[in-house]
């Protein structure tokens, strides 16, 4: 089971290290968070650190619910999370080799079980039909006289006929 650990950090630093800041290329020098958590290593690409005030009107429990899809947040955990001020550290257990044992700089608020994807479903086979349409055939050049050329010739013949008729009428 995957777990999300929610910790309060006791730091004055305005740390921001989230999925969004990483996607935007904004890097922040992080303190020794692995040491603060009492773990040997920490995959910082999976964690989020930010001031709770960055959420604005959104509560921390609602943010965690939307961003991490926990199975459920107990009422007392929701109340503790929503009462937090300062900087929060969200650590999925996939980012650390062992459960956190926070020291003086971090306080574990709660650990939430995350929803596990279910990949055991049996899906029906897709009906595959062979593609019958091949590559488009190239346009074969026409043989003979172009219709546009025929209209031009016919127009000249009519024009010559009109001129000849006018000349004959004038000569009388």
C-alpha atoms as a PDB file:
ATOM      1  CA  UNK A   1       0.000   0.000   0.000  1.00  0.00           C
ATOM      2  CA  UNK A   2       1.271   3.441  -0.894  1.00  0.00           C
ATOM      3  CA  UNK A   3       1.151   6.062   1.818  1.00  0.00           C
ATOM      4  CA  UNK A   4       1.380   9.851   1.787  1.00  0.00           C
ATOM      5  CA  UNK A   5       3.112  11.401   4.805  1.00  0.00           C
ATOM      6  CA  UNK A   6       2.019  14.945   5.662  1.00  0.00           C
ATOM      7  CA  UNK A   7       4.575  16.842   7.735  1.00  0.00           C
ATOM      8  CA  UNK A   8       4.777  20.356   9.162  1.00  0.00           C
ATOM      9  CA  UNK A   9       8.208  21.942   8.819  1.00  0.00           C
ATOM     10  CA  UNK A  10       9.541  24.357  11.389  1.00  0.00           C
ATOM     11  CA  UNK A  11      11.434  26.619   9.038  1.00  0.00           C
ATOM     12  CA  UNK A  12      11.244  30.296   8.283  1.00  0.00           C
ATOM     13  CA  UNK A  13      12.338  29.705   4.700  1.00  0.00           C
ATOM     14  CA  UNK A  14       9.783  30.300   1.995  1.00  0.00           C
ATOM     15  CA  UNK A  15      10.417  26.912   0.366  1.00  0.00           C
ATOM     16  CA  UNK A  16       8.557  25.973  -2.798  1.00  0.00           C
ATOM     17  CA  UNK A  17       9.378  22.653  -4.426  1.00  0.00           C
ATOM     18  CA  UNK A  18       6.268  21.266  -6.129  1.00  0.00           C
ATOM     19  CA  UNK A  19       5.372  19.416  -9.298  1.00  0.00           C
ATOM     20  CA  UNK A  20       4.439  22.797 -10.805  1.00  0.00           C
ATOM     21  CA  UNK A  21       7.674  24.593  -9.851  1.00  0.00           C
ATOM     22  CA  UNK A  22       9.705  21.690 -11.244  1.00  0.00           C
ATOM     23  CA  UNK A  23       7.711  21.735 -14.491  1.00  0.00           C
ATOM     24  CA  UNK A  24       8.335  25.477 -14.794  1.00  0.00           C
ATOM     25  CA  UNK A  25      12.072  24.939 -14.254  1.00  0.00           C
ATOM     26  CA  UNK A  26      12.153  26.823 -10.947  1.00  0.00           C
ATOM     27  CA  UNK A  27      14.657  25.101  -8.718  1.00  0.00           C
ATOM     28  CA  UNK A  28      15.092  25.841  -5.043  1.00  0.00           C
ATOM     29  CA  UNK A  29      18.018  24.913  -2.830  1.00  0.00           C
ATOM     30  CA  UNK A  30      16.468  22.494  -0.363  1.00  0.00           C
ATOM     31  CA  UNK A  31      17.703  21.936   3.178  1.00  0.00           C
ATOM     32  CA  UNK A  32      18.649  18.413   4.317  1.00  0.00           C
ATOM     33  CA  UNK A  33      15.079  17.112   4.182  1.00  0.00           C
ATOM     34  CA  UNK A  34      16.248  13.475   4.285  1.00  0.00           C
ATOM     35  CA  UNK A  35      17.999  14.213   7.576  1.00  0.00           C
ATOM     36  CA  UNK A  36      14.937  16.043   8.883  1.00  0.00           C
ATOM     37  CA  UNK A  37      12.850  12.950   8.078  1.00  0.00           C
ATOM     38  CA  UNK A  38      15.376  10.551   9.580  1.00  0.00           C
ATOM     39  CA  UNK A  39      15.827   8.631   6.318  1.00  0.00           C
ATOM     40  CA  UNK A  40      18.979   7.922   4.338  1.00  0.00           C
ATOM     41  CA  UNK A  41      17.782   9.196   0.972  1.00  0.00           C
ATOM     42  CA  UNK A  42      14.901  11.223  -0.413  1.00  0.00           C
ATOM     43  CA  UNK A  43      13.673  11.358  -4.008  1.00  0.00           C
ATOM     44  CA  UNK A  44      12.939  15.078  -4.273  1.00  0.00           C
ATOM     45  CA  UNK A  45      11.162  14.593  -7.629  1.00  0.00           C
ATOM     46  CA  UNK A  46       8.230  12.994  -5.797  1.00  0.00           C
ATOM     47  CA  UNK A  47       7.788  15.385  -2.864  1.00  0.00           C
ATOM     48  CA  UNK A  48       6.062  18.725  -2.498  1.00  0.00           C
ATOM     49  CA  UNK A  49       7.137  21.512  -0.147  1.00  0.00           C
ATOM     50  CA  UNK A  50       5.257  24.806  -0.011  1.00  0.00           C
ATOM     51  CA  UNK A  51       3.791  27.377   2.372  1.00  0.00           C
ATOM     52  CA  UNK A  52       0.182  26.485   3.204  1.00  0.00           C
ATOM     53  CA  UNK A  53      -0.788  30.095   2.449  1.00  0.00           C
ATOM     54  CA  UNK A  54      -0.069  29.384  -1.244  1.00  0.00           C
ATOM     55  CA  UNK A  55      -3.317  27.417  -1.367  1.00  0.00           C
ATOM     56  CA  UNK A  56      -5.371  30.571  -0.769  1.00  0.00           C
ATOM     57  CA  UNK A  57      -8.977  29.621   0.022  1.00  0.00           C
ATOM     58  CA  UNK A  58      -8.358  25.929  -0.688  1.00  0.00           C
ATOM     59  CA  UNK A  59      -7.845  23.846   2.436  1.00  0.00           C
ATOM     60  CA  UNK A  60      -4.799  21.579   2.676  1.00  0.00           C
ATOM     61  CA  UNK A  61      -7.002  18.496   3.064  1.00  0.00           C
ATOM     62  CA  UNK A  62      -8.915  19.380  -0.121  1.00  0.00           C
ATOM     63  CA  UNK A  63      -5.637  19.947  -1.980  1.00  0.00           C
ATOM     64  CA  UNK A  64      -4.280  16.568  -0.822  1.00  0.00           C
ATOM     65  CA  UNK A  65      -7.587  14.941  -1.738  1.00  0.00           C
ATOM     66  CA  UNK A  66      -7.464  16.364  -5.280  1.00  0.00           C
ATOM     67  CA  UNK A  67      -3.737  15.979  -5.914  1.00  0.00           C
ATOM     68  CA  UNK A  68      -2.992  12.601  -4.317  1.00  0.00           C
ATOM     69  CA  UNK A  69      -6.360  10.777  -4.165  1.00  0.00           C
ATOM     70  CA  UNK A  70      -6.118   9.262  -0.704  1.00  0.00           C
ATOM     71  CA  UNK A  71      -8.544   6.461   0.111  1.00  0.00           C
ATOM     72  CA  UNK A  72     -10.102   8.600   2.836  1.00  0.00           C
ATOM     73  CA  UNK A  73      -9.060  11.346   5.220  1.00  0.00           C
ATOM     74  CA  UNK A  74     -10.300  10.801   8.755  1.00  0.00           C
ATOM     75  CA  UNK A  75     -12.086  13.741  10.369  1.00  0.00           C
ATOM     76  CA  UNK A  76      -9.356  14.294  13.001  1.00  0.00           C
ATOM     77  CA  UNK A  77      -6.612  14.192  10.324  1.00  0.00           C
ATOM     78  CA  UNK A  78      -8.566  16.626   8.175  1.00  0.00           C
ATOM     79  CA  UNK A  79      -8.908  19.015  11.142  1.00  0.00           C
ATOM     80  CA  UNK A  80      -5.142  18.839  11.923  1.00  0.00           C
ATOM     81  CA  UNK A  81      -4.216  19.371   8.279  1.00  0.00           C
ATOM     82  CA  UNK A  82      -6.582  22.308   7.832  1.00  0.00           C
ATOM     83  CA  UNK A  83      -5.277  23.968  11.007  1.00  0.00           C
ATOM     84  CA  UNK A  84      -1.680  23.932   9.722  1.00  0.00           C
ATOM     85  CA  UNK A  85       0.193  27.149   9.097  1.00  0.00           C
ATOM     86  CA  UNK A  86       3.693  27.622   7.799  1.00  0.00           C
ATOM     87  CA  UNK A  87       5.358  25.149   5.455  1.00  0.00           C
ATOM     88  CA  UNK A  88       4.025  21.685   4.621  1.00  0.00           C
ATOM     89  CA  UNK A  89       6.008  18.721   3.279  1.00  0.00           C
ATOM     90  CA  UNK A  90       4.111  16.012   1.387  1.00  0.00           C
ATOM     91  CA  UNK A  91       6.108  12.796   1.009  1.00  0.00           C
ATOM     92  CA  UNK A  92       4.788   9.654  -0.678  1.00  0.00           C
ATOM     93  CA  UNK A  93       6.465   6.538   0.692  1.00  0.00           C
ATOM     94  CA  UNK A  94       7.844   5.854  -2.796  1.00  0.00           C
ATOM     95  CA  UNK A  95      10.198   8.809  -2.230  1.00  0.00           C
ATOM     96  CA  UNK A  96      11.820   7.365   0.907  1.00  0.00           C
ATOM     97  CA  UNK A  97      13.367   3.973   1.726  1.00  0.00           C
ATOM     98  CA  UNK A  98      11.676   3.641   5.154  1.00  0.00           C
ATOM     99  CA  UNK A  99       8.880   5.319   7.142  1.00  0.00           C
ATOM    100  CA  UNK A 100       9.890   8.792   8.310  1.00  0.00           C
ATOM    101  CA  UNK A 101      11.182   9.362  11.818  1.00  0.00           C
ATOM    102  CA  UNK A 102      11.130  13.155  11.898  1.00  0.00           C
ATOM    103  CA  UNK A 103      13.513  15.132  14.049  1.00  0.00           C
ATOM    104  CA  UNK A 104      13.326  18.653  15.455  1.00  0.00           C
ATOM    105  CA  UNK A 105      12.678  20.370  12.097  1.00  0.00           C
ATOM    106  CA  UNK A 106       9.659  18.297  11.034  1.00  0.00           C
ATOM    107  CA  UNK A 107       6.490  17.058  12.700  1.00  0.00           C
ATOM    108  CA  UNK A 108       4.428  14.211  11.286  1.00  0.00           C
ATOM    109  CA  UNK A 109       0.820  15.413  11.037  1.00  0.00           C
ATOM    110  CA  UNK A 110      -0.642  12.265   9.479  1.00  0.00           C
ATOM    111  CA  UNK A 111       0.032   9.399   7.113  1.00  0.00           C
ATOM    112  CA  UNK A 112      -2.700   8.722   4.585  1.00  0.00           C
ATOM    113  CA  UNK A 113      -3.198   5.525   2.580  1.00  0.00           C
ATOM    114  CA  UNK A 114      -3.345   6.342  -1.114  1.00  0.00           C
ATOM    115  CA  UNK A 115      -5.711   4.703  -3.540  1.00  0.00           C
ATOM    116  CA  UNK A 116      -4.001   1.847  -5.305  1.00  0.00           C
ATOM    117  CA  UNK A 117      -4.741   1.493  -9.021  1.00  0.00           C
ATOM    118  CA  UNK A 118      -6.547  -1.718  -9.915  1.00  0.00           C
ATOM    119  CA  UNK A 119      -4.919  -3.342 -12.928  1.00  0.00           C
ATOM    120  CA  UNK A 120      -6.608  -6.738 -12.473  1.00  0.00           C
ATOM    121  CA  UNK A 121      -9.635  -6.081 -14.666  1.00  0.00           C
ATOM    122  CA  UNK A 122     -10.280  -8.368 -17.627  1.00  0.00           C
ATOM    123  CA  UNK A 123     -10.940  -6.238 -20.654  1.00  0.00           C
ATOM    124  CA  UNK A 124     -12.789  -7.468 -23.753  1.00  0.00           C
ATOM    125  CA  UNK A 125     -10.767  -7.983 -26.893  1.00  0.00           C
ATOM    126  CA  UNK A 126     -10.966  -5.134 -29.333  1.00  0.00           C
ATOM    127  CA  UNK A 127     -12.536  -5.903 -32.690  1.00  0.00           C
ATOM    128  CA  UNK A 128      -9.835  -5.289 -35.231  1.00  0.00           C
ATOM    129  CA  UNK A 129     -10.770  -4.799 -38.853  1.00  0.00           C
ATOM    130  CA  UNK A 130      -8.074  -4.702 -41.487  1.00  0.00           C
ATOM    131  CA  UNK A 131      -7.557  -1.443 -43.218  1.00  0.00           C
ATOM    132  CA  UNK A 132      -8.914  -1.676 -46.763  1.00  0.00           C
ATOM    133  CA  UNK A 133      -7.943   1.738 -47.934  1.00  0.00           C
ATOM    134  CA  UNK A 134      -4.524   1.708 -49.488  1.00  0.00           C
ATOM    135  CA  UNK A 135      -2.348   4.560 -50.473  1.00  0.00           C
ATOM    136  CA  UNK A 136      -4.101   7.134 -52.655  1.00  0.00           C
ATOM    137  CA  UNK A 137      -3.658   6.466 -56.342  1.00  0.00           C
ATOM    138  CA  UNK A 138      -1.831   9.177 -58.217  1.00  0.00           C
ATOM    139  CA  UNK A 139      -3.915  11.169 -60.676  1.00  0.00           C
ATOM    140  CA  UNK A 140      -3.412   9.921 -64.200  1.00  0.00           C
ATOM    141  CA  UNK A 141      -2.661  12.708 -66.653  1.00  0.00           C
ATOM    142  CA  UNK A 142      -5.442  13.173 -69.215  1.00  0.00           C
ATOM    143  CA  UNK A 143      -4.889  12.444 -72.835  1.00  0.00           C
ATOM    144  CA  UNK A 144      -6.248  14.783 -75.430  1.00  0.00           C
ATOM    145  CA  UNK A 145      -7.156  18.430 -75.501  1.00  0.00           C
ATOM    146  CA  UNK A 146      -7.956  20.290 -72.315  1.00  0.00           C
ATOM    147  CA  UNK A 147     -11.582  21.509 -72.033  1.00  0.00           C
ATOM    148  CA  UNK A 148     -10.293  24.988 -71.252  1.00  0.00           C
ATOM    149  CA  UNK A 149      -8.315  25.031 -74.502  1.00  0.00           C
ATOM    150  CA  UNK A 150     -11.434  23.979 -76.435  1.00  0.00           C
ATOM    151  CA  UNK A 151     -13.407  26.892 -74.923  1.00  0.00           C
ATOM    152  CA  UNK A 152     -10.645  29.333 -75.868  1.00  0.00           C
ATOM    153  CA  UNK A 153     -10.572  28.076 -79.470  1.00  0.00           C
ATOM    154  CA  UNK A 154     -14.364  28.183 -79.698  1.00  0.00           C
ATOM    155  CA  UNK A 155     -14.360  31.735 -78.342  1.00  0.00           C
ATOM    156  CA  UNK A 156     -11.821  32.856 -80.947  1.00  0.00           C
ATOM    157  CA  UNK A 157     -13.799  31.220 -83.762  1.00  0.00           C
ATOM    158  CA  UNK A 158     -16.964  33.016 -82.615  1.00  0.00           C
ATOM    159  CA  UNK A 159     -15.058  36.304 -82.343  1.00  0.00           C
ATOM    160  CA  UNK A 160     -13.605  35.895 -85.854  1.00  0.00           C
ATOM    161  CA  UNK A 161     -17.081  35.059 -87.155  1.00  0.00           C
ATOM    162  CA  UNK A 162     -18.527  38.215 -85.588  1.00  0.00           C
ATOM    163  CA  UNK A 163     -15.723  40.369 -87.057  1.00  0.00           C
ATOM    164  CA  UNK A 164     -16.188  38.865 -90.540  1.00  0.00           C
ATOM    165  CA  UNK A 165     -19.938  39.447 -90.347  1.00  0.00           C
ATOM    166  CA  UNK A 166     -19.414  43.090 -89.351  1.00  0.00           C
ATOM    167  CA  UNK A 167     -16.951  43.670 -92.155  1.00  0.00           C
ATOM    168  CA  UNK A 168     -19.378  42.207 -94.697  1.00  0.00           C
ATOM    169  CA  UNK A 169     -22.212  44.348 -93.415  1.00  0.00           C
ATOM    170  CA  UNK A 170     -20.050  47.442 -93.665  1.00  0.00           C
ATOM    171  CA  UNK A 171     -18.953  46.716 -97.210  1.00  0.00           C
ATOM    172  CA  UNK A 172     -22.454  46.649 -98.587  1.00  0.00           C
END
